[in-house]
Amino acid sequence: MSVSVSVIIPSFRGSPRLVELVKKLVEEDYESKEVLVVVDNPLPDVAEELRKQPVKTIFRNGRLGRVSALLEAFRQSSGDLLIFLDDDVSPAGEGFLSKIVESMRSIEIGEIMKKVGGRGLLAQSVDYEFMSFNYGSLMLARKVGRCLGINGAAFAIWRRSYERAGGFRYRIPDDFDLGIRSYLAGLRFNLITSPHVVNYAPSSWREWFKQRVRWGIGAAVWVRDNWRTLLRIMVEKPSLMLLLLFIVLPSLAPFMITILMNTLLEDRIIWLGILTLSSLFTSLLPFATILSYGLFVKILLFFTKTLIAILASFTVFSILYYRIAKKMGYRLKLGGLAFLYFVYSPLWFTLLLSGFIRVFVFKKDSIEGRP
């Protein structure tokens, strides 16, 4: 007897990628399936295309939010296995649903591996970054058997397990909130490496910047709300947690080296001032981020011992990432790794720290331009 599957897709406005995703799922050779699509303020052409498909569509006026859409779709779903997909992902290969079902037979919640589509340095950097996320999930699955946070762009969970964990709540970020509650509920976890989905990098650096502002604040809120659980896990698995931190956040190493080896107090004061400014006024974040990165480069150029230490850390990082890439089926380029380590990651880390200052120091978890 086949497992009944409900695929749930939330969307705002919709897009050609959403229509393409729905068509792919409809064409899947898996009988016991239903596809539920919730679209807030749908574009007319998207709504017209979706109405032609044999799926459950829920069109809503206004922007009611992702969690509201997920909860609405869940209430109308009937499948034993729930598969949540973002509206801009693309399943890779044939037999997507069948393979997901087979992968889920021995676990209760599974993150579907994500690779990044697109060209250029931005897409390449995000792809390498997602490789580290995938590997982090794989390490947690093998060493702990549970997940701390789930990437909500593509994952699967049994209905009974979803209910046991408490389902989605109105939290920031909603997917990581569900992930850590699955950890507390003891749900068995694994990374589903086959099949995978293709994510698409932001269309521009401006869009990437907006996304990372949200992610930075969301990460800070998640840590604030779950710090006791995270601290307990850190005490129980210190070496694993530290390794995961350095894999997922490559710029953590050069940051620590720069702070520890640079003795100029004025540099530290300027850097902290820039971070504080950017955390208070998100509209100034691009300017503040560039200034912060410029200070980082200045420290490298003026302090030879710092530069040597960071080049050594980059060598270790490259060896580690090449080993990870081999295990995960990725192909890396040294130039792309250098850009990731020396440019992309420091920019992202600055935005992340800015989000933490905003949430922990100024007690603000909104992303408006002014406090």
Protein backbone atom coordinates (compact mmCIF):
# COMPACT_ATOMS: atom_id res chain seq x y z
CA MET A 1 0.00 0.00 0.00
CA SER A 2 1.48 3.34 -1.06
CA VAL A 3 1.95 6.19 1.37
CA SER A 4 -0.37 9.16 0.89
CA VAL A 5 1.61 12.35 0.31
CA SER A 6 0.61 15.99 0.69
CA VAL A 7 2.90 18.54 -0.97
CA ILE A 8 2.42 22.00 0.52
CA ILE A 9 3.65 25.13 -1.27
CA PRO A 10 3.18 28.66 0.17
CA SER A 11 3.67 31.65 -2.12
CA PHE A 12 3.32 35.40 -2.31
CA ARG A 13 2.10 36.60 -5.70
CA GLY A 14 3.39 33.48 -7.45
CA SER A 15 5.81 33.26 -10.36
CA PRO A 16 6.58 31.21 -13.48
CA ARG A 17 8.78 29.01 -11.29
CA LEU A 18 5.79 28.20 -9.09
CA VAL A 19 3.74 27.17 -12.12
CA GLU A 20 6.63 25.04 -13.40
CA LEU A 21 7.02 23.40 -9.97
CA VAL A 22 3.32 22.54 -9.78
CA LYS A 23 3.35 21.07 -13.28
CA LYS A 24 6.34 18.88 -12.41
CA LEU A 25 4.60 17.57 -9.31
CA VAL A 26 1.37 16.88 -11.21
CA GLU A 27 3.33 14.90 -13.80
CA GLU A 28 5.01 12.79 -11.09
CA ASP A 29 4.19 9.11 -11.48
CA TYR A 30 2.93 8.75 -7.91
CA GLU A 31 -0.77 8.13 -7.46
CA SER A 32 -1.41 8.79 -3.75
CA LYS A 33 -0.52 12.45 -3.82
CA GLU A 34 -2.16 15.82 -3.41
CA VAL A 35 -0.62 19.21 -4.07
CA LEU A 36 -1.81 22.20 -2.05
CA VAL A 37 -0.80 25.70 -3.12
CA VAL A 38 -1.59 28.78 -1.03
CA VAL A 39 -0.97 32.08 -2.83
CA ASP A 40 -1.42 35.50 -1.26
CA ASN A 41 -2.31 38.27 -3.73
CA PRO A 42 -1.78 36.02 -6.77
CA LEU A 43 -0.75 37.49 -10.10
CA PRO A 44 -3.64 37.06 -12.57
CA ASP A 45 -1.65 34.95 -15.04
CA VAL A 46 -0.33 32.72 -12.24
CA ALA A 47 -3.82 32.20 -10.84
CA GLU A 48 -5.11 31.33 -14.30
CA GLU A 49 -2.37 28.75 -14.87
CA LEU A 50 -2.83 27.17 -11.46
CA ARG A 51 -6.58 26.80 -11.96
CA LYS A 52 -5.84 24.57 -14.94
CA GLN A 53 -3.92 22.10 -12.79
CA PRO A 54 -5.50 19.26 -10.74
CA VAL A 55 -4.29 20.69 -7.44
CA LYS A 56 -5.87 22.35 -4.42
CA THR A 57 -5.37 26.08 -4.79
CA ILE A 58 -6.13 28.62 -2.08
CA PHE A 59 -6.02 32.24 -3.23
CA ARG A 60 -6.07 34.88 -0.50
CA ASN A 61 -6.37 38.65 -0.63
CA GLY A 62 -3.62 40.50 1.17
CA ARG A 63 -0.25 39.37 2.44
CA LEU A 64 -1.25 37.11 5.31
CA GLY A 65 2.17 35.54 5.72
CA ARG A 66 4.06 32.32 5.20
CA VAL A 67 3.10 30.63 8.47
CA SER A 68 -0.57 31.44 7.96
CA ALA A 69 -0.36 29.86 4.51
CA LEU A 70 1.37 26.74 5.85
CA LEU A 71 -1.20 26.28 8.60
CA GLU A 72 -4.10 26.80 6.18
CA ALA A 73 -2.70 24.20 3.79
CA PHE A 74 -2.05 21.73 6.60
CA ARG A 75 -5.66 21.98 7.77
CA GLN A 76 -6.86 21.08 4.29
CA SER A 77 -4.30 18.32 3.72
CA SER A 78 -4.88 14.61 4.27
CA GLY A 79 -1.56 12.90 3.50
CA ASP A 80 0.38 10.77 5.96
CA LEU A 81 3.63 12.31 4.69
CA LEU A 82 3.96 16.07 4.39
CA ILE A 83 6.44 17.60 1.94
CA PHE A 84 6.98 21.35 2.26
CA LEU A 85 8.48 23.20 -0.71
CA ASP A 86 9.18 26.86 -1.38
CA ASP A 87 7.61 28.24 -4.54
CA ASP A 88 10.95 28.80 -6.29
CA VAL A 89 12.58 25.38 -5.97
CA SER A 90 12.82 22.81 -8.73
CA PRO A 91 12.91 19.03 -8.08
CA ALA A 92 15.87 17.39 -9.80
CA GLY A 93 15.51 14.10 -11.64
CA GLU A 94 12.67 11.64 -12.03
CA GLY A 95 10.63 9.92 -9.34
CA PHE A 96 10.96 12.79 -6.87
CA LEU A 97 8.02 11.82 -4.64
CA SER A 98 8.72 8.08 -4.72
CA LYS A 99 12.33 8.62 -3.67
CA ILE A 100 11.31 10.96 -0.86
CA VAL A 101 8.86 8.37 0.47
CA GLU A 102 11.54 5.65 0.42
CA SER A 103 14.05 7.92 2.17
CA MET A 104 11.53 8.72 4.90
CA ARG A 105 10.71 5.13 5.88
CA SER A 106 13.41 4.97 8.56
CA ILE A 107 13.20 8.56 9.83
CA GLU A 108 10.60 11.04 11.02
CA ILE A 109 11.85 14.32 9.57
CA GLY A 110 14.18 14.77 6.61
CA GLU A 111 15.81 17.78 5.03
CA ILE A 112 15.97 17.56 1.24
CA MET A 113 19.41 18.48 -0.08
CA LYS A 114 19.58 21.77 -1.92
CA LYS A 115 21.87 22.86 -4.72
CA VAL A 116 21.91 26.32 -6.23
CA GLY A 117 21.15 27.18 -9.83
CA GLY A 118 22.40 30.23 -11.69
CA ARG A 119 25.67 31.70 -12.93
CA GLY A 120 28.15 34.19 -11.63
CA LEU A 121 30.07 34.73 -8.40
CA LEU A 122 26.95 35.25 -6.31
CA ALA A 123 25.31 32.00 -7.40
CA GLN A 124 28.60 30.13 -7.00
CA SER A 125 29.12 31.50 -3.49
CA VAL A 126 25.59 30.64 -2.40
CA ASP A 127 26.04 27.14 -3.86
CA TYR A 128 29.23 26.59 -1.83
CA GLU A 129 27.44 27.98 1.21
CA PHE A 130 24.53 25.57 0.72
CA MET A 131 27.06 22.75 0.41
CA SER A 132 28.25 23.60 3.92
CA PHE A 133 24.65 23.69 5.17
CA ASN A 134 23.99 20.29 3.62
CA TYR A 135 27.12 18.85 5.17
CA GLY A 136 26.22 20.31 8.55
CA SER A 137 22.84 18.59 8.39
CA LEU A 138 24.53 15.34 7.39
CA MET A 139 26.95 15.57 10.32
CA LEU A 140 24.11 16.18 12.77
CA ALA A 141 22.19 13.24 11.35
CA ARG A 142 25.16 10.88 11.70
CA LYS A 143 26.46 12.07 15.07
CA VAL A 144 23.23 13.04 16.85
CA GLY A 145 20.37 11.65 14.77
CA ARG A 146 18.34 14.82 15.23
CA CYS A 147 18.27 18.29 13.70
CA LEU A 148 18.60 21.69 15.33
CA GLY A 149 17.11 23.73 12.52
CA ILE A 150 15.53 22.81 9.22
CA ASN A 151 15.82 24.72 5.95
CA GLY A 152 12.14 25.18 5.12
CA ALA A 153 12.74 25.50 1.38
CA ALA A 154 12.40 21.72 1.04
CA PHE A 155 11.83 19.11 3.73
CA ALA A 156 9.56 16.21 4.59
CA ILE A 157 7.94 15.12 7.85
CA TRP A 158 5.35 12.53 8.80
CA ARG A 159 2.01 14.00 9.83
CA ARG A 160 2.09 12.33 13.24
CA SER A 161 5.62 13.66 13.80
CA TYR A 162 4.62 17.16 12.69
CA GLU A 163 1.79 17.12 15.22
CA ARG A 164 4.05 15.69 17.91
CA ALA A 165 6.52 18.55 17.43
CA GLY A 166 3.68 21.08 17.57
CA GLY A 167 3.64 22.13 13.91
CA PHE A 168 4.50 25.56 12.59
CA ARG A 169 4.16 28.50 14.95
CA TYR A 170 4.27 32.23 14.40
CA ARG A 171 7.98 32.47 15.18
CA ILE A 172 11.03 33.94 13.47
CA PRO A 173 12.33 31.93 11.68
CA ASP A 174 9.45 29.47 11.48
CA ASP A 175 11.45 26.62 9.92
CA PHE A 176 14.28 26.73 12.46
CA ASP A 177 11.68 26.94 15.22
CA LEU A 178 10.08 23.72 13.99
CA GLY A 179 13.52 22.14 13.60
CA ILE A 180 14.62 22.70 17.18
CA ARG A 181 11.26 21.50 18.50
CA SER A 182 11.73 18.33 16.47
CA TYR A 183 15.05 17.94 18.31
CA LEU A 184 13.36 18.34 21.67
CA ALA A 185 10.65 15.88 20.62
CA GLY A 186 13.34 13.34 19.73
CA LEU A 187 12.35 13.00 16.06
CA ARG A 188 14.74 10.85 14.01
CA PHE A 189 16.41 12.99 11.35
CA ASN A 190 18.48 12.57 8.21
CA LEU A 191 19.56 14.53 5.15
CA ILE A 192 17.89 13.27 1.97
CA THR A 193 20.66 13.47 -0.63
CA SER A 194 18.70 11.82 -3.45
CA PRO A 195 16.62 13.35 -4.78
CA HIS A 196 17.60 16.97 -4.28
CA VAL A 197 16.04 20.27 -5.26
CA VAL A 198 17.55 23.23 -7.07
CA ASN A 199 17.31 26.57 -5.30
CA TYR A 200 18.00 29.79 -7.14
CA ALA A 201 20.33 32.43 -5.78
CA PRO A 202 18.95 35.96 -5.34
CA SER A 203 18.82 37.77 -8.67
CA SER A 204 21.16 40.54 -7.52
CA TRP A 205 23.41 41.55 -4.67
CA ARG A 206 20.69 43.96 -3.56
CA GLU A 207 18.22 41.09 -3.21
CA TRP A 208 20.86 38.98 -1.48
CA PHE A 209 21.45 41.81 0.95
CA LYS A 210 17.74 42.13 1.79
CA GLN A 211 17.52 38.36 2.28
CA ARG A 212 20.52 38.27 4.61
CA VAL A 213 19.22 41.13 6.73
CA ARG A 214 16.14 38.98 7.38
CA TRP A 215 18.25 35.89 7.98
CA GLY A 216 20.56 37.69 10.39
CA ILE A 217 17.72 39.01 12.51
CA GLY A 218 15.94 35.64 12.31
CA ALA A 219 19.05 33.77 13.47
CA ALA A 220 19.44 36.14 16.41
CA VAL A 221 15.80 35.70 17.44
CA TRP A 222 16.16 31.92 17.18
CA VAL A 223 19.25 31.93 19.43
CA ARG A 224 17.56 34.30 21.88
CA ASP A 225 14.51 32.06 22.17
CA ASN A 226 16.43 28.78 22.36
CA TRP A 227 19.73 29.62 24.02
CA ARG A 228 19.25 27.20 26.92
CA THR A 229 18.73 24.26 24.57
CA LEU A 230 21.63 25.35 22.36
CA LEU A 231 23.93 25.76 25.37
CA ARG A 232 23.06 22.28 26.61
CA ILE A 233 23.82 20.79 23.20
CA MET A 234 27.10 22.74 23.04
CA VAL A 235 28.12 21.28 26.41
CA GLU A 236 27.15 17.76 25.32
CA LYS A 237 28.81 17.94 21.88
CA PRO A 238 31.40 20.76 22.02
CA SER A 239 33.77 19.53 19.30
CA LEU A 240 30.93 18.77 16.86
CA MET A 241 29.21 22.11 17.43
CA LEU A 242 32.43 24.10 17.01
CA LEU A 243 33.29 22.21 13.83
CA LEU A 244 29.82 22.91 12.42
CA LEU A 245 30.15 26.61 13.29
CA PHE A 246 33.42 26.94 11.38
CA ILE A 247 32.07 24.95 8.42
CA VAL A 248 28.82 26.91 8.11
CA LEU A 249 30.43 30.28 8.97
CA PRO A 250 33.88 30.29 7.29
CA SER A 251 34.46 33.93 8.23
CA LEU A 252 34.40 33.03 11.93
CA ALA A 253 38.08 32.03 11.74
CA PRO A 254 39.39 35.26 10.13
CA PHE A 255 37.15 37.27 12.45
CA MET A 256 38.67 35.65 15.54
CA ILE A 257 42.19 36.02 14.15
CA THR A 258 41.64 39.69 13.33
CA ILE A 259 40.17 40.51 16.73
CA LEU A 260 42.77 38.56 18.72
CA MET A 261 45.88 39.59 16.77
CA ASN A 262 45.06 43.22 15.99
CA THR A 263 46.02 45.29 19.03
CA LEU A 264 44.79 48.71 17.91
CA LEU A 265 41.97 49.70 20.23
CA GLU A 266 40.73 52.41 17.85
CA ASP A 267 40.16 49.82 15.09
CA ARG A 268 38.00 47.76 17.41
CA ILE A 269 36.05 50.83 18.52
CA ILE A 270 35.43 51.91 14.92
CA TRP A 271 34.36 48.40 13.94
CA LEU A 272 31.94 48.07 16.87
CA GLY A 273 30.59 51.53 16.14
CA ILE A 274 29.89 50.58 12.53
CA LEU A 275 28.12 47.39 13.63
CA THR A 276 26.03 49.30 16.16
CA LEU A 277 25.03 51.86 13.55
CA SER A 278 24.04 49.20 11.04
CA SER A 279 22.01 47.29 13.63
CA LEU A 280 20.01 50.38 14.52
CA PHE A 281 19.36 51.68 11.02
CA THR A 282 18.95 48.88 8.51
CA SER A 283 18.70 51.40 5.67
CA LEU A 284 22.38 52.22 6.32
CA LEU A 285 23.48 48.60 6.34
CA PRO A 286 25.05 48.61 2.83
CA PHE A 287 27.26 51.59 3.69
CA ALA A 288 28.12 50.25 7.14
CA THR A 289 28.91 46.80 5.76
CA ILE A 290 31.32 48.22 3.16
CA LEU A 291 33.06 50.31 5.84
CA SER A 292 33.34 47.29 8.09
CA TYR A 293 34.82 45.19 5.30
CA GLY A 294 37.22 48.00 4.41
CA LEU A 295 38.46 48.02 7.99
CA PHE A 296 39.00 44.26 7.80
CA VAL A 297 41.12 44.67 4.64
CA LYS A 298 43.09 47.52 6.23
CA ILE A 299 43.97 45.31 9.19
CA LEU A 300 45.18 42.57 6.84
CA LEU A 301 47.41 44.96 4.90
CA PHE A 302 48.98 46.67 7.91
CA PHE A 303 49.52 43.66 10.14
CA THR A 304 51.69 41.03 8.46
CA LYS A 305 51.23 38.47 11.23
CA THR A 306 47.45 38.76 10.85
CA LEU A 307 47.68 38.29 7.09
CA ILE A 308 49.91 35.22 7.46
CA ALA A 309 47.57 33.68 10.03
CA ILE A 310 44.52 34.25 7.84
CA LEU A 311 46.24 32.81 4.77
CA ALA A 312 47.08 29.75 6.84
CA SER A 313 43.47 29.47 7.98
CA PHE A 314 42.34 29.77 4.34
CA THR A 315 44.60 26.85 3.42
CA VAL A 316 43.02 24.70 6.14
CA PHE A 317 39.57 25.87 5.08
CA SER A 318 40.24 24.98 1.43
CA ILE A 319 41.45 21.47 2.28
CA LEU A 320 38.41 20.90 4.48
CA TYR A 321 35.98 22.21 1.85
CA TYR A 322 37.53 20.11 -0.91
CA ARG A 323 37.04 17.03 1.24
CA ILE A 324 33.44 17.99 1.94
CA ALA A 325 32.83 18.66 -1.75
CA LYS A 326 34.10 15.21 -2.65
CA LYS A 327 31.71 13.61 -0.17
CA MET A 328 28.75 15.74 -1.26
CA GLY A 329 29.30 15.47 -5.02
CA TYR A 330 30.31 19.10 -5.62
CA ARG A 331 33.02 20.52 -7.84
CA LEU A 332 34.89 23.51 -6.42
CA LYS A 333 37.06 26.19 -7.96
CA LEU A 334 39.90 27.72 -5.98
CA GLY A 335 39.01 31.23 -7.15
CA GLY A 336 35.43 30.73 -6.01
CA LEU A 337 36.63 29.47 -2.63
CA ALA A 338 38.88 32.51 -2.22
CA PHE A 339 35.98 34.84 -3.02
CA LEU A 340 33.78 32.95 -0.55
CA TYR A 341 36.35 33.15 2.22
CA PHE A 342 37.72 36.67 1.80
CA VAL A 343 34.71 38.58 0.44
CA TYR A 344 31.35 36.81 0.61
CA SER A 345 31.60 35.30 4.09
CA PRO A 346 32.91 38.44 5.84
CA LEU A 347 30.05 40.46 4.32
CA TRP A 348 27.49 37.89 5.46
CA PHE A 349 29.10 37.58 8.89
CA THR A 350 28.94 41.36 9.35
CA LEU A 351 25.21 41.33 8.57
CA LEU A 352 24.76 38.41 10.96
CA LEU A 353 26.54 40.20 13.80
CA SER A 354 24.51 43.32 13.08
CA GLY A 355 21.34 41.28 13.48
CA PHE A 356 22.54 39.90 16.82
CA ILE A 357 23.35 43.38 18.13
CA ARG A 358 19.93 44.61 17.01
CA VAL A 359 18.11 41.77 18.78
CA PHE A 360 20.24 41.29 21.91
CA VAL A 361 21.37 44.85 22.63
CA PHE A 362 18.54 47.00 21.29
CA LYS A 363 15.76 44.39 21.78
CA LYS A 364 14.41 44.92 18.27
CA ASP A 365 13.43 42.04 16.02
CA SER A 366 11.76 43.93 13.17
CA ILE A 367 13.48 44.61 9.85
CA GLU A 368 12.11 48.07 9.14
CA GLY A 369 14.49 50.77 8.06
CA ARG A 370 14.38 52.57 11.39
CA PRO A 371 13.91 51.34 14.96
